[in-house]
């Protein structure tokens, strides 16, 4: 087995496992039951997609996919912070109503 074959096997296995983690994250996003569960699932899925872009960039030997991964990481950070603030406001409102 040549190093190139080993790299191809590792990349394909990694891409498959990341695809599986994205599917499992989608199940958690769908089923919930709490908003916090959905936020964590969305963040995990985004991290997995970033990893997928990185592995695919190595496999396809195209550096442009790394730019997509960086942009997605920035958008993911902002969206998770916004959802966390929203969840915090909802928690404060429910505490005040009790």
N, C-alpha and C. Protein backbone atom coordinates (compact mmCIF):
# COMPACT_ATOMS: atom_id res chain seq x y z
N UNK A 1 0.86 -1.17 0.00
CA UNK A 1 0.00 0.00 0.00
C UNK A 1 0.90 1.23 0.00
N UNK A 2 0.64 2.10 -0.93
CA UNK A 2 1.44 3.32 -1.03
C UNK A 2 0.88 4.38 -0.10
N UNK A 3 1.69 5.38 0.24
CA UNK A 3 1.17 6.47 1.09
C UNK A 3 -0.01 7.21 0.47
N UNK A 4 -0.04 7.28 -0.85
CA UNK A 4 -1.17 7.94 -1.53
C UNK A 4 -2.46 7.15 -1.34
N UNK A 5 -2.37 5.82 -1.42
CA UNK A 5 -3.55 4.99 -1.18
C UNK A 5 -4.03 5.12 0.26
N UNK A 6 -3.08 5.14 1.19
CA UNK A 6 -3.44 5.27 2.60
C UNK A 6 -4.12 6.61 2.87
N UNK A 7 -3.59 7.68 2.25
CA UNK A 7 -4.20 9.00 2.41
C UNK A 7 -5.62 9.00 1.85
N UNK A 8 -5.82 8.39 0.70
CA UNK A 8 -7.15 8.35 0.09
C UNK A 8 -8.13 7.58 0.97
N UNK A 9 -7.67 6.47 1.55
CA UNK A 9 -8.54 5.71 2.45
C UNK A 9 -8.91 6.53 3.68
N UNK A 10 -7.92 7.21 4.26
CA UNK A 10 -8.18 8.03 5.45
C UNK A 10 -9.12 9.18 5.14
N UNK A 11 -8.93 9.83 4.01
CA UNK A 11 -9.80 10.95 3.64
C UNK A 11 -11.23 10.48 3.40
N UNK A 12 -11.40 9.38 2.69
CA UNK A 12 -12.75 8.87 2.43
C UNK A 12 -13.43 8.42 3.72
N UNK A 13 -12.67 7.78 4.60
CA UNK A 13 -13.23 7.36 5.89
C UNK A 13 -13.62 8.58 6.72
N UNK A 14 -12.75 9.58 6.75
CA UNK A 14 -13.06 10.80 7.49
C UNK A 14 -14.28 11.51 6.97
N UNK A 15 -14.39 11.61 5.66
CA UNK A 15 -15.56 12.25 5.06
C UNK A 15 -16.84 11.49 5.38
N UNK A 16 -16.76 10.17 5.36
CA UNK A 16 -17.93 9.37 5.71
C UNK A 16 -18.35 9.53 7.16
N UNK A 17 -17.37 9.54 8.05
CA UNK A 17 -17.68 9.71 9.48
C UNK A 17 -18.23 11.10 9.78
N UNK A 18 -17.70 12.10 9.11
CA UNK A 18 -18.24 13.45 9.30
C UNK A 18 -19.66 13.54 8.76
N UNK A 19 -19.92 12.90 7.63
CA UNK A 19 -21.29 12.88 7.10
C UNK A 19 -22.24 12.20 8.08
N UNK A 20 -21.77 11.13 8.73
CA UNK A 20 -22.59 10.46 9.74
C UNK A 20 -22.86 11.39 10.93
N UNK A 21 -21.84 12.13 11.37
CA UNK A 21 -22.05 13.04 12.50
C UNK A 21 -23.00 14.17 12.14
N UNK A 22 -22.97 14.62 10.89
CA UNK A 22 -23.92 15.65 10.46
C UNK A 22 -25.34 15.09 10.47
N UNK A 23 -25.50 13.85 10.04
CA UNK A 23 -26.83 13.23 10.05
C UNK A 23 -27.35 13.06 11.48
N UNK A 24 -26.47 12.64 12.40
CA UNK A 24 -26.89 12.51 13.79
C UNK A 24 -27.21 13.87 14.42
N UNK A 25 -26.46 14.88 14.04
CA UNK A 25 -26.76 16.23 14.52
C UNK A 25 -28.10 16.71 14.00
N UNK A 26 -28.42 16.36 12.76
CA UNK A 26 -29.71 16.75 12.21
C UNK A 26 -30.86 16.08 12.96
N UNK A 27 -30.65 14.85 13.37
CA UNK A 27 -31.68 14.16 14.17
C UNK A 27 -31.90 14.90 15.49
N UNK A 28 -30.80 15.30 16.15
CA UNK A 28 -30.94 16.03 17.42
C UNK A 28 -31.57 17.39 17.19
N UNK A 29 -31.23 18.03 16.06
CA UNK A 29 -31.84 19.32 15.74
C UNK A 29 -33.33 19.16 15.51
N UNK A 30 -33.74 18.09 14.89
CA UNK A 30 -35.15 17.84 14.59
C UNK A 30 -35.95 17.51 15.85
N UNK A 31 -35.38 16.64 16.71
CA UNK A 31 -36.12 16.13 17.86
C UNK A 31 -36.08 17.05 19.06
N UNK A 32 -35.04 17.86 19.19
CA UNK A 32 -34.98 18.80 20.31
C UNK A 32 -34.64 18.13 21.61
N UNK A 33 -35.40 18.23 22.64
CA UNK A 33 -36.70 18.90 22.80
C UNK A 33 -36.57 20.36 23.22
N UNK A 34 -35.43 20.75 23.76
CA UNK A 34 -35.26 22.13 24.23
C UNK A 34 -34.55 22.96 23.17
N UNK A 35 -34.65 24.29 23.32
CA UNK A 35 -33.95 25.19 22.42
C UNK A 35 -32.44 25.02 22.56
N UNK A 36 -31.97 24.78 23.77
CA UNK A 36 -30.53 24.60 23.99
C UNK A 36 -30.02 23.37 23.24
N UNK A 37 -30.80 22.30 23.20
CA UNK A 37 -30.40 21.10 22.45
C UNK A 37 -30.26 21.42 20.97
N UNK A 38 -31.18 22.20 20.47
CA UNK A 38 -31.14 22.55 19.05
C UNK A 38 -29.96 23.46 18.73
N UNK A 39 -29.64 24.38 19.63
CA UNK A 39 -28.51 25.28 19.42
C UNK A 39 -27.20 24.49 19.41
N UNK A 40 -27.05 23.57 20.35
CA UNK A 40 -25.84 22.76 20.41
C UNK A 40 -25.74 21.86 19.17
N UNK A 41 -26.86 21.30 18.74
CA UNK A 41 -26.84 20.45 17.53
C UNK A 41 -26.46 21.27 16.30
N UNK A 42 -26.98 22.48 16.20
CA UNK A 42 -26.64 23.33 15.07
C UNK A 42 -25.16 23.70 15.08
N UNK A 43 -24.63 24.00 16.25
CA UNK A 43 -23.22 24.34 16.36
C UNK A 43 -22.34 23.13 16.02
N UNK A 44 -22.74 21.97 16.49
CA UNK A 44 -21.98 20.75 16.19
C UNK A 44 -22.02 20.43 14.70
N UNK A 45 -23.17 20.60 14.08
CA UNK A 45 -23.28 20.34 12.65
C UNK A 45 -22.42 21.32 11.85
N UNK A 46 -22.41 22.57 12.27
CA UNK A 46 -21.60 23.56 11.57
C UNK A 46 -20.12 23.24 11.71
N UNK A 47 -19.71 22.82 12.89
CA UNK A 47 -18.31 22.42 13.08
C UNK A 47 -17.96 21.21 12.22
N UNK A 48 -18.87 20.28 12.12
CA UNK A 48 -18.63 19.11 11.28
C UNK A 48 -18.56 19.50 9.80
N UNK A 49 -19.39 20.43 9.38
CA UNK A 49 -19.35 20.88 7.98
C UNK A 49 -18.04 21.60 7.69
N UNK A 50 -17.54 22.35 8.66
CA UNK A 50 -16.25 23.01 8.50
C UNK A 50 -15.14 21.96 8.33
N UNK A 51 -15.18 20.93 9.15
CA UNK A 51 -14.22 19.83 9.00
C UNK A 51 -14.36 19.13 7.66
N UNK A 52 -15.60 18.94 7.23
CA UNK A 52 -15.85 18.33 5.92
C UNK A 52 -15.22 19.16 4.81
N UNK A 53 -15.40 20.48 4.88
CA UNK A 53 -14.80 21.36 3.86
C UNK A 53 -13.28 21.25 3.87
N UNK A 54 -12.70 21.15 5.06
CA UNK A 54 -11.25 21.01 5.15
C UNK A 54 -10.76 19.71 4.55
N UNK A 55 -11.41 18.61 4.89
CA UNK A 55 -11.01 17.32 4.32
C UNK A 55 -11.25 17.27 2.81
N UNK A 56 -12.35 17.85 2.38
CA UNK A 56 -12.64 17.84 0.95
C UNK A 56 -11.64 18.70 0.19
N UNK A 57 -11.17 19.79 0.82
CA UNK A 57 -10.15 20.62 0.18
C UNK A 57 -8.86 19.83 -0.02
N UNK A 58 -8.50 19.01 0.95
CA UNK A 58 -7.31 18.17 0.80
C UNK A 58 -7.54 17.12 -0.28
N UNK A 59 -8.70 16.51 -0.27
CA UNK A 59 -8.99 15.44 -1.23
C UNK A 59 -9.05 15.96 -2.66
N UNK A 60 -9.72 17.10 -2.85
CA UNK A 60 -9.88 17.66 -4.19
C UNK A 60 -8.70 18.53 -4.61
N UNK A 61 -7.83 18.85 -3.66
CA UNK A 61 -6.67 19.71 -3.89
C UNK A 61 -7.09 21.07 -4.45
N UNK A 62 -8.14 21.63 -3.82
CA UNK A 62 -8.65 22.95 -4.17
C UNK A 62 -8.66 23.79 -2.90
N UNK A 63 -7.89 24.87 -2.90
CA UNK A 63 -7.77 25.71 -1.70
C UNK A 63 -9.02 26.55 -1.45
N UNK A 64 -9.86 26.72 -2.45
CA UNK A 64 -11.06 27.54 -2.30
C UNK A 64 -12.02 27.01 -1.25
N UNK A 65 -12.00 25.71 -1.02
CA UNK A 65 -12.89 25.14 -0.01
C UNK A 65 -12.48 25.57 1.40
N UNK A 66 -11.22 25.89 1.59
CA UNK A 66 -10.77 26.38 2.89
C UNK A 66 -11.32 27.77 3.17
N UNK A 67 -11.46 28.58 2.14
CA UNK A 67 -12.09 29.90 2.30
C UNK A 67 -13.54 29.75 2.72
N UNK A 68 -14.21 28.78 2.15
CA UNK A 68 -15.60 28.51 2.54
C UNK A 68 -15.66 28.09 4.00
N UNK A 69 -14.72 27.26 4.43
CA UNK A 69 -14.70 26.81 5.82
C UNK A 69 -14.48 27.97 6.78
N UNK A 70 -13.58 28.89 6.45
CA UNK A 70 -13.32 30.04 7.31
C UNK A 70 -14.56 30.95 7.38
N UNK A 71 -15.18 31.21 6.24
CA UNK A 71 -16.38 32.05 6.23
C UNK A 71 -17.51 31.39 7.03
N UNK A 72 -17.66 30.10 6.90
CA UNK A 72 -18.69 29.39 7.64
C UNK A 72 -18.41 29.43 9.14
N UNK A 73 -17.14 29.36 9.52
CA UNK A 73 -16.79 29.43 10.94
C UNK A 73 -17.16 30.80 11.53
N UNK A 74 -16.93 31.86 10.77
CA UNK A 74 -17.28 33.20 11.25
C UNK A 74 -18.79 33.36 11.39
N UNK A 75 -19.53 32.90 10.41
CA UNK A 75 -20.99 32.98 10.46
C UNK A 75 -21.53 32.12 11.59
N UNK A 76 -20.94 30.96 11.79
CA UNK A 76 -21.38 30.06 12.86
C UNK A 76 -21.19 30.69 14.22
N UNK A 77 -20.05 31.34 14.42
CA UNK A 77 -19.80 31.98 15.71
C UNK A 77 -20.84 33.05 16.00
N UNK A 78 -21.11 33.88 15.03
CA UNK A 78 -22.09 34.96 15.24
C UNK A 78 -23.49 34.39 15.49
N UNK A 79 -23.86 33.36 14.75
CA UNK A 79 -25.21 32.81 14.91
C UNK A 79 -25.37 32.11 16.27
N UNK A 80 -24.35 31.42 16.74
CA UNK A 80 -24.46 30.74 18.04
C UNK A 80 -24.52 31.77 19.16
N UNK A 81 -23.76 32.84 19.05
CA UNK A 81 -23.83 33.90 20.07
C UNK A 81 -25.22 34.53 20.08
N UNK A 82 -25.77 34.78 18.90
CA UNK A 82 -27.12 35.37 18.83
C UNK A 82 -28.17 34.43 19.42
N UNK A 83 -28.09 33.14 19.10
CA UNK A 83 -29.04 32.18 19.65
C UNK A 83 -28.88 32.03 21.17
N UNK A 84 -27.66 32.10 21.66
CA UNK A 84 -27.44 32.01 23.10
C UNK A 84 -28.02 33.22 23.81
N UNK A 85 -27.86 34.39 23.23
CA UNK A 85 -28.47 35.59 23.84
C UNK A 85 -29.99 35.50 23.84
N UNK A 86 -30.55 34.99 22.74
CA UNK A 86 -32.00 34.81 22.65
C UNK A 86 -32.48 33.82 23.71
N UNK A 87 -31.77 32.72 23.87
CA UNK A 87 -32.14 31.73 24.88
C UNK A 87 -32.04 32.33 26.28
N UNK A 88 -31.04 33.15 26.50
CA UNK A 88 -30.91 33.81 27.80
C UNK A 88 -32.07 34.75 28.09
N UNK A 89 -32.50 35.47 27.09
CA UNK A 89 -33.66 36.36 27.27
C UNK A 89 -34.93 35.58 27.54
N UNK A 90 -35.10 34.46 26.85
CA UNK A 90 -36.27 33.62 27.10
C UNK A 90 -36.25 33.08 28.53
N UNK A 91 -35.09 32.71 29.01
CA UNK A 91 -34.98 32.18 30.37
C UNK A 91 -35.29 33.26 31.40
N UNK A 92 -34.82 34.48 31.16
CA UNK A 92 -35.11 35.58 32.09
C UNK A 92 -36.60 35.89 32.11
N UNK A 93 -37.24 35.85 30.93
CA UNK A 93 -38.69 36.12 30.87
C UNK A 93 -39.48 35.05 31.64
N UNK A 94 -39.08 33.81 31.49
CA UNK A 94 -39.81 32.75 32.19
C UNK A 94 -39.58 32.83 33.69
N UNK A 95 -38.39 33.29 34.12
CA UNK A 95 -38.14 33.46 35.55
C UNK A 95 -38.98 34.60 36.12
N UNK A 96 -39.17 35.65 35.34
CA UNK A 96 -39.95 36.78 35.81
C UNK A 96 -41.44 36.44 35.88
N UNK A 97 -41.92 35.58 35.02
CA UNK A 97 -43.33 35.20 34.99
C UNK A 97 -43.69 34.24 36.09
N UNK A 98 -42.71 33.53 36.65
CA UNK A 98 -42.99 32.55 37.70
C UNK A 98 -43.23 33.19 39.00
